[in-house]
Amino acid sequence: IKKQQQDVLGFLEANKIEFEEKDIAANEENRKWMRENVPEDSRPASGNPLPPRLFNDSRYLGDYEAFFEARENNAVYAFLGLTAPPGSKVGVLISHSKP
């Protein structure tokens, strides 16, 4: 999980995309928010959704696998719901867990 989180954060930082991290390990409100905002069809069969999960405001975008696939297809900006060119200031929310 930590490697996936670092991969997403590294990409966002390298491309100067503003984002907000929400630690779900240390903050029950953040954990509850993530559980409530991950769509039913994107949740695991048992247990809770694991980070990293990506959101644009409260709109769920996907998990790490979806992010990775979009990056491999040079479609990360579309995946993130961003129309601005790289380097512009746009907000993205990342739910994650700190060790």
N, C-alpha and C. Protein backbone atom coordinates (compact mmCIF):
# COMPACT_ATOMS: atom_id res chain seq x y z
N ILE A 1 0.84 -1.19 0.00
CA ILE A 1 0.00 0.00 0.00
C ILE A 1 0.87 1.25 0.00
N LYS A 2 1.91 1.24 0.84
CA LYS A 2 2.78 2.42 0.95
C LYS A 2 3.45 2.74 -0.39
N LYS A 3 3.92 1.71 -1.11
CA LYS A 3 4.56 1.93 -2.40
C LYS A 3 3.58 2.53 -3.41
N GLN A 4 2.35 2.03 -3.41
CA GLN A 4 1.33 2.57 -4.31
C GLN A 4 1.03 4.02 -3.97
N GLN A 5 0.91 4.33 -2.68
CA GLN A 5 0.66 5.71 -2.26
C GLN A 5 1.78 6.62 -2.72
N GLN A 6 3.03 6.18 -2.52
CA GLN A 6 4.18 6.98 -2.92
C GLN A 6 4.21 7.18 -4.43
N ASP A 7 3.81 6.17 -5.18
CA ASP A 7 3.76 6.26 -6.64
C ASP A 7 2.77 7.34 -7.09
N VAL A 8 1.58 7.33 -6.51
CA VAL A 8 0.56 8.33 -6.86
C VAL A 8 1.03 9.72 -6.44
N LEU A 9 1.48 9.86 -5.20
CA LEU A 9 1.92 11.16 -4.72
C LEU A 9 3.10 11.69 -5.53
N GLY A 10 4.04 10.82 -5.87
CA GLY A 10 5.19 11.22 -6.67
C GLY A 10 4.77 11.76 -8.03
N PHE A 11 3.81 11.09 -8.66
CA PHE A 11 3.32 11.55 -9.96
C PHE A 11 2.67 12.93 -9.84
N LEU A 12 1.79 13.09 -8.83
CA LEU A 12 1.10 14.36 -8.66
C LEU A 12 2.09 15.49 -8.37
N GLU A 13 3.06 15.22 -7.51
CA GLU A 13 4.06 16.24 -7.19
C GLU A 13 4.91 16.58 -8.40
N ALA A 14 5.36 15.57 -9.14
CA ALA A 14 6.20 15.79 -10.32
C ALA A 14 5.47 16.60 -11.38
N ASN A 15 4.15 16.45 -11.45
CA ASN A 15 3.37 17.16 -12.45
C ASN A 15 2.70 18.42 -11.90
N LYS A 16 3.11 18.80 -10.68
CA LYS A 16 2.63 20.02 -10.04
C LYS A 16 1.10 20.09 -9.98
N ILE A 17 0.48 18.95 -9.65
CA ILE A 17 -0.96 18.88 -9.48
C ILE A 17 -1.23 18.98 -7.98
N GLU A 18 -1.98 19.99 -7.58
CA GLU A 18 -2.29 20.15 -6.17
C GLU A 18 -3.19 19.02 -5.71
N PHE A 19 -2.97 18.57 -4.48
CA PHE A 19 -3.79 17.51 -3.93
C PHE A 19 -3.83 17.65 -2.42
N GLU A 20 -4.77 16.97 -1.83
CA GLU A 20 -4.90 16.93 -0.38
C GLU A 20 -4.88 15.46 0.02
N GLU A 21 -4.03 15.13 0.98
CA GLU A 21 -3.98 13.77 1.50
C GLU A 21 -4.91 13.66 2.69
N LYS A 22 -5.58 12.52 2.80
CA LYS A 22 -6.40 12.25 3.98
C LYS A 22 -5.93 10.94 4.57
N ASP A 23 -5.39 11.02 5.77
CA ASP A 23 -4.89 9.84 6.46
C ASP A 23 -6.06 9.10 7.09
N ILE A 24 -6.34 7.88 6.61
CA ILE A 24 -7.46 7.12 7.15
C ILE A 24 -7.04 6.25 8.33
N ALA A 25 -5.74 6.09 8.57
CA ALA A 25 -5.28 5.27 9.69
C ALA A 25 -5.42 6.01 11.01
N ALA A 26 -5.14 7.29 11.01
CA ALA A 26 -5.12 8.06 12.26
C ALA A 26 -6.36 8.92 12.46
N ASN A 27 -7.26 8.95 11.48
CA ASN A 27 -8.40 9.85 11.58
C ASN A 27 -9.69 9.10 11.21
N GLU A 28 -10.53 8.87 12.20
CA GLU A 28 -11.78 8.12 11.98
C GLU A 28 -12.71 8.85 11.02
N GLU A 29 -12.76 10.18 11.08
CA GLU A 29 -13.60 10.95 10.14
C GLU A 29 -13.20 10.69 8.69
N ASN A 30 -11.88 10.70 8.42
CA ASN A 30 -11.39 10.44 7.07
C ASN A 30 -11.73 9.01 6.64
N ARG A 31 -11.58 8.06 7.55
CA ARG A 31 -11.89 6.66 7.23
C ARG A 31 -13.38 6.52 6.90
N LYS A 32 -14.23 7.13 7.70
CA LYS A 32 -15.67 7.08 7.47
C LYS A 32 -16.02 7.74 6.13
N TRP A 33 -15.41 8.90 5.87
CA TRP A 33 -15.68 9.61 4.61
C TRP A 33 -15.32 8.73 3.41
N MET A 34 -14.14 8.08 3.46
CA MET A 34 -13.74 7.23 2.35
C MET A 34 -14.72 6.07 2.17
N ARG A 35 -15.07 5.39 3.26
CA ARG A 35 -16.01 4.26 3.16
C ARG A 35 -17.33 4.70 2.54
N GLU A 36 -17.80 5.87 2.91
CA GLU A 36 -19.09 6.35 2.40
C GLU A 36 -19.02 6.81 0.95
N ASN A 37 -17.83 7.23 0.50
CA ASN A 37 -17.73 7.80 -0.85
C ASN A 37 -17.16 6.86 -1.90
N VAL A 38 -16.71 5.68 -1.51
CA VAL A 38 -16.31 4.68 -2.50
C VAL A 38 -17.59 3.97 -2.92
N PRO A 39 -17.94 3.98 -4.22
CA PRO A 39 -19.18 3.36 -4.68
C PRO A 39 -19.24 1.87 -4.33
N GLU A 40 -20.45 1.39 -4.14
CA GLU A 40 -20.69 0.00 -3.78
C GLU A 40 -19.98 -0.97 -4.73
N ASP A 41 -20.03 -0.70 -6.02
CA ASP A 41 -19.43 -1.62 -7.00
C ASP A 41 -17.90 -1.55 -7.04
N SER A 42 -17.30 -0.64 -6.28
CA SER A 42 -15.84 -0.52 -6.22
C SER A 42 -15.29 -0.99 -4.88
N ARG A 43 -16.14 -1.55 -4.05
CA ARG A 43 -15.71 -2.04 -2.73
C ARG A 43 -15.35 -3.51 -2.82
N PRO A 44 -14.45 -3.96 -1.93
CA PRO A 44 -14.13 -5.39 -1.90
C PRO A 44 -15.33 -6.20 -1.41
N ALA A 45 -15.37 -7.48 -1.76
CA ALA A 45 -16.47 -8.35 -1.34
C ALA A 45 -16.60 -8.41 0.18
N SER A 46 -15.46 -8.36 0.87
CA SER A 46 -15.49 -8.33 2.33
C SER A 46 -14.48 -7.31 2.82
N GLY A 47 -14.78 -6.71 3.94
CA GLY A 47 -13.89 -5.71 4.51
C GLY A 47 -14.11 -4.34 3.91
N ASN A 48 -13.20 -3.45 4.22
CA ASN A 48 -13.29 -2.06 3.76
C ASN A 48 -12.36 -1.82 2.58
N PRO A 49 -12.66 -0.80 1.76
CA PRO A 49 -11.76 -0.45 0.67
C PRO A 49 -10.39 -0.05 1.21
N LEU A 50 -9.35 -0.51 0.56
CA LEU A 50 -8.00 -0.18 0.98
C LEU A 50 -7.46 1.00 0.18
N PRO A 51 -6.63 1.82 0.80
CA PRO A 51 -6.01 2.93 0.08
C PRO A 51 -4.92 2.43 -0.85
N PRO A 52 -4.45 3.23 -1.77
CA PRO A 52 -4.95 4.59 -2.03
C PRO A 52 -6.21 4.57 -2.89
N ARG A 53 -7.07 5.50 -2.60
CA ARG A 53 -8.29 5.75 -3.37
C ARG A 53 -8.23 7.21 -3.80
N LEU A 54 -8.60 7.48 -5.04
CA LEU A 54 -8.49 8.84 -5.57
C LEU A 54 -9.87 9.43 -5.79
N PHE A 55 -9.99 10.71 -5.43
CA PHE A 55 -11.23 11.46 -5.56
C PHE A 55 -10.91 12.83 -6.16
N ASN A 56 -11.85 13.39 -6.86
CA ASN A 56 -11.78 14.79 -7.29
C ASN A 56 -12.93 15.45 -6.56
N ASP A 57 -12.63 16.21 -5.53
CA ASP A 57 -13.60 16.68 -4.53
C ASP A 57 -14.21 15.43 -3.92
N SER A 58 -15.52 15.24 -4.02
CA SER A 58 -16.11 14.03 -3.44
C SER A 58 -16.43 12.99 -4.52
N ARG A 59 -16.05 13.26 -5.77
CA ARG A 59 -16.33 12.31 -6.86
C ARG A 59 -15.24 11.24 -6.88
N TYR A 60 -15.67 9.99 -6.74
CA TYR A 60 -14.73 8.87 -6.72
C TYR A 60 -14.15 8.65 -8.12
N LEU A 61 -12.82 8.54 -8.20
CA LEU A 61 -12.15 8.33 -9.48
C LEU A 61 -11.70 6.88 -9.64
N GLY A 62 -11.19 6.28 -8.58
CA GLY A 62 -10.74 4.91 -8.69
C GLY A 62 -9.65 4.58 -7.69
N ASP A 63 -9.15 3.36 -7.81
CA ASP A 63 -8.10 2.89 -6.93
C ASP A 63 -6.75 2.97 -7.65
N TYR A 64 -5.73 2.39 -7.02
CA TYR A 64 -4.40 2.46 -7.60
C TYR A 64 -4.33 1.78 -8.96
N GLU A 65 -4.98 0.63 -9.11
CA GLU A 65 -4.93 -0.09 -10.38
C GLU A 65 -5.50 0.76 -11.52
N ALA A 66 -6.60 1.46 -11.24
CA ALA A 66 -7.19 2.34 -12.27
C ALA A 66 -6.25 3.50 -12.59
N PHE A 67 -5.63 4.07 -11.55
CA PHE A 67 -4.66 5.15 -11.76
C PHE A 67 -3.48 4.65 -12.60
N PHE A 68 -2.94 3.48 -12.24
CA PHE A 68 -1.79 2.93 -12.94
C PHE A 68 -2.12 2.68 -14.41
N GLU A 69 -3.30 2.12 -14.68
CA GLU A 69 -3.71 1.86 -16.06
C GLU A 69 -3.83 3.16 -16.85
N ALA A 70 -4.42 4.18 -16.23
CA ALA A 70 -4.54 5.48 -16.89
C ALA A 70 -3.17 6.07 -17.18
N ARG A 71 -2.25 5.93 -16.24
CA ARG A 71 -0.89 6.46 -16.43
C ARG A 71 -0.20 5.72 -17.57
N GLU A 72 -0.34 4.41 -17.62
CA GLU A 72 0.28 3.61 -18.68
C GLU A 72 -0.28 4.00 -20.06
N ASN A 73 -1.53 4.43 -20.10
CA ASN A 73 -2.18 4.82 -21.35
C ASN A 73 -2.10 6.32 -21.61
N ASN A 74 -1.26 7.02 -20.85
CA ASN A 74 -1.11 8.48 -20.98
C ASN A 74 -2.46 9.19 -20.88
N ALA A 75 -3.29 8.72 -19.96
CA ALA A 75 -4.63 9.29 -19.80
C ALA A 75 -4.90 9.71 -18.35
N VAL A 76 -3.84 10.03 -17.60
CA VAL A 76 -4.03 10.35 -16.18
C VAL A 76 -4.86 11.61 -15.99
N TYR A 77 -4.64 12.62 -16.81
CA TYR A 77 -5.42 13.86 -16.62
C TYR A 77 -6.90 13.61 -16.84
N ALA A 78 -7.24 12.82 -17.85
CA ALA A 78 -8.65 12.47 -18.07
C ALA A 78 -9.18 11.65 -16.89
N PHE A 79 -8.38 10.69 -16.41
CA PHE A 79 -8.76 9.88 -15.26
C PHE A 79 -9.04 10.76 -14.05
N LEU A 80 -8.18 11.75 -13.82
CA LEU A 80 -8.34 12.64 -12.69
C LEU A 80 -9.46 13.66 -12.88
N GLY A 81 -10.03 13.71 -14.07
CA GLY A 81 -11.10 14.66 -14.34
C GLY A 81 -10.57 16.06 -14.56
N LEU A 82 -9.31 16.15 -15.01
CA LEU A 82 -8.67 17.45 -15.21
C LEU A 82 -8.58 17.75 -16.70
N THR A 83 -8.94 18.96 -17.06
CA THR A 83 -8.79 19.37 -18.45
C THR A 83 -7.63 20.35 -18.61
N ALA A 84 -7.12 20.81 -17.49
CA ALA A 84 -6.02 21.77 -17.54
C ALA A 84 -4.73 21.08 -17.97
N PRO A 85 -3.83 21.82 -18.60
CA PRO A 85 -2.55 21.23 -19.01
C PRO A 85 -1.67 20.93 -17.81
N PRO A 86 -0.68 20.05 -17.99
CA PRO A 86 0.24 19.75 -16.88
C PRO A 86 0.87 21.02 -16.33
N GLY A 87 1.01 21.05 -15.02
CA GLY A 87 1.61 22.21 -14.38
C GLY A 87 0.61 23.20 -13.82
N SER A 88 -0.65 23.06 -14.21
CA SER A 88 -1.65 23.98 -13.68
C SER A 88 -2.06 23.55 -12.28
N LYS A 89 -2.66 24.45 -11.56
CA LYS A 89 -3.06 24.19 -10.18
C LYS A 89 -4.50 23.69 -10.15
N VAL A 90 -4.65 22.41 -9.87
CA VAL A 90 -5.97 21.80 -9.78
C VAL A 90 -5.97 20.89 -8.56
N GLY A 91 -7.05 20.86 -7.82
CA GLY A 91 -7.10 20.07 -6.60
C GLY A 91 -7.56 18.64 -6.82
N VAL A 92 -6.88 17.71 -6.17
CA VAL A 92 -7.24 16.30 -6.18
C VAL A 92 -7.07 15.79 -4.76
N LEU A 93 -7.97 14.93 -4.33
CA LEU A 93 -7.93 14.37 -2.98
C LEU A 93 -7.49 12.93 -3.03
N ILE A 94 -6.58 12.57 -2.16
CA ILE A 94 -6.06 11.21 -2.08
C ILE A 94 -6.35 10.67 -0.69
N SER A 95 -7.05 9.57 -0.60
CA SER A 95 -7.23 8.90 0.69
C SER A 95 -6.10 7.92 0.85
N HIS A 96 -5.45 7.94 1.98
CA HIS A 96 -4.31 7.05 2.16
C HIS A 96 -4.17 6.69 3.63
N SER A 97 -3.27 5.82 3.89
CA SER A 97 -2.98 5.38 5.25
C SER A 97 -1.50 5.56 5.52
N LYS A 98 -1.17 6.22 6.61
CA LYS A 98 0.24 6.39 6.98
C LYS A 98 0.64 5.25 7.91
N PRO A 99 1.87 4.78 7.77
CA PRO A 99 2.31 3.68 8.65
C PRO A 99 2.42 4.11 10.09
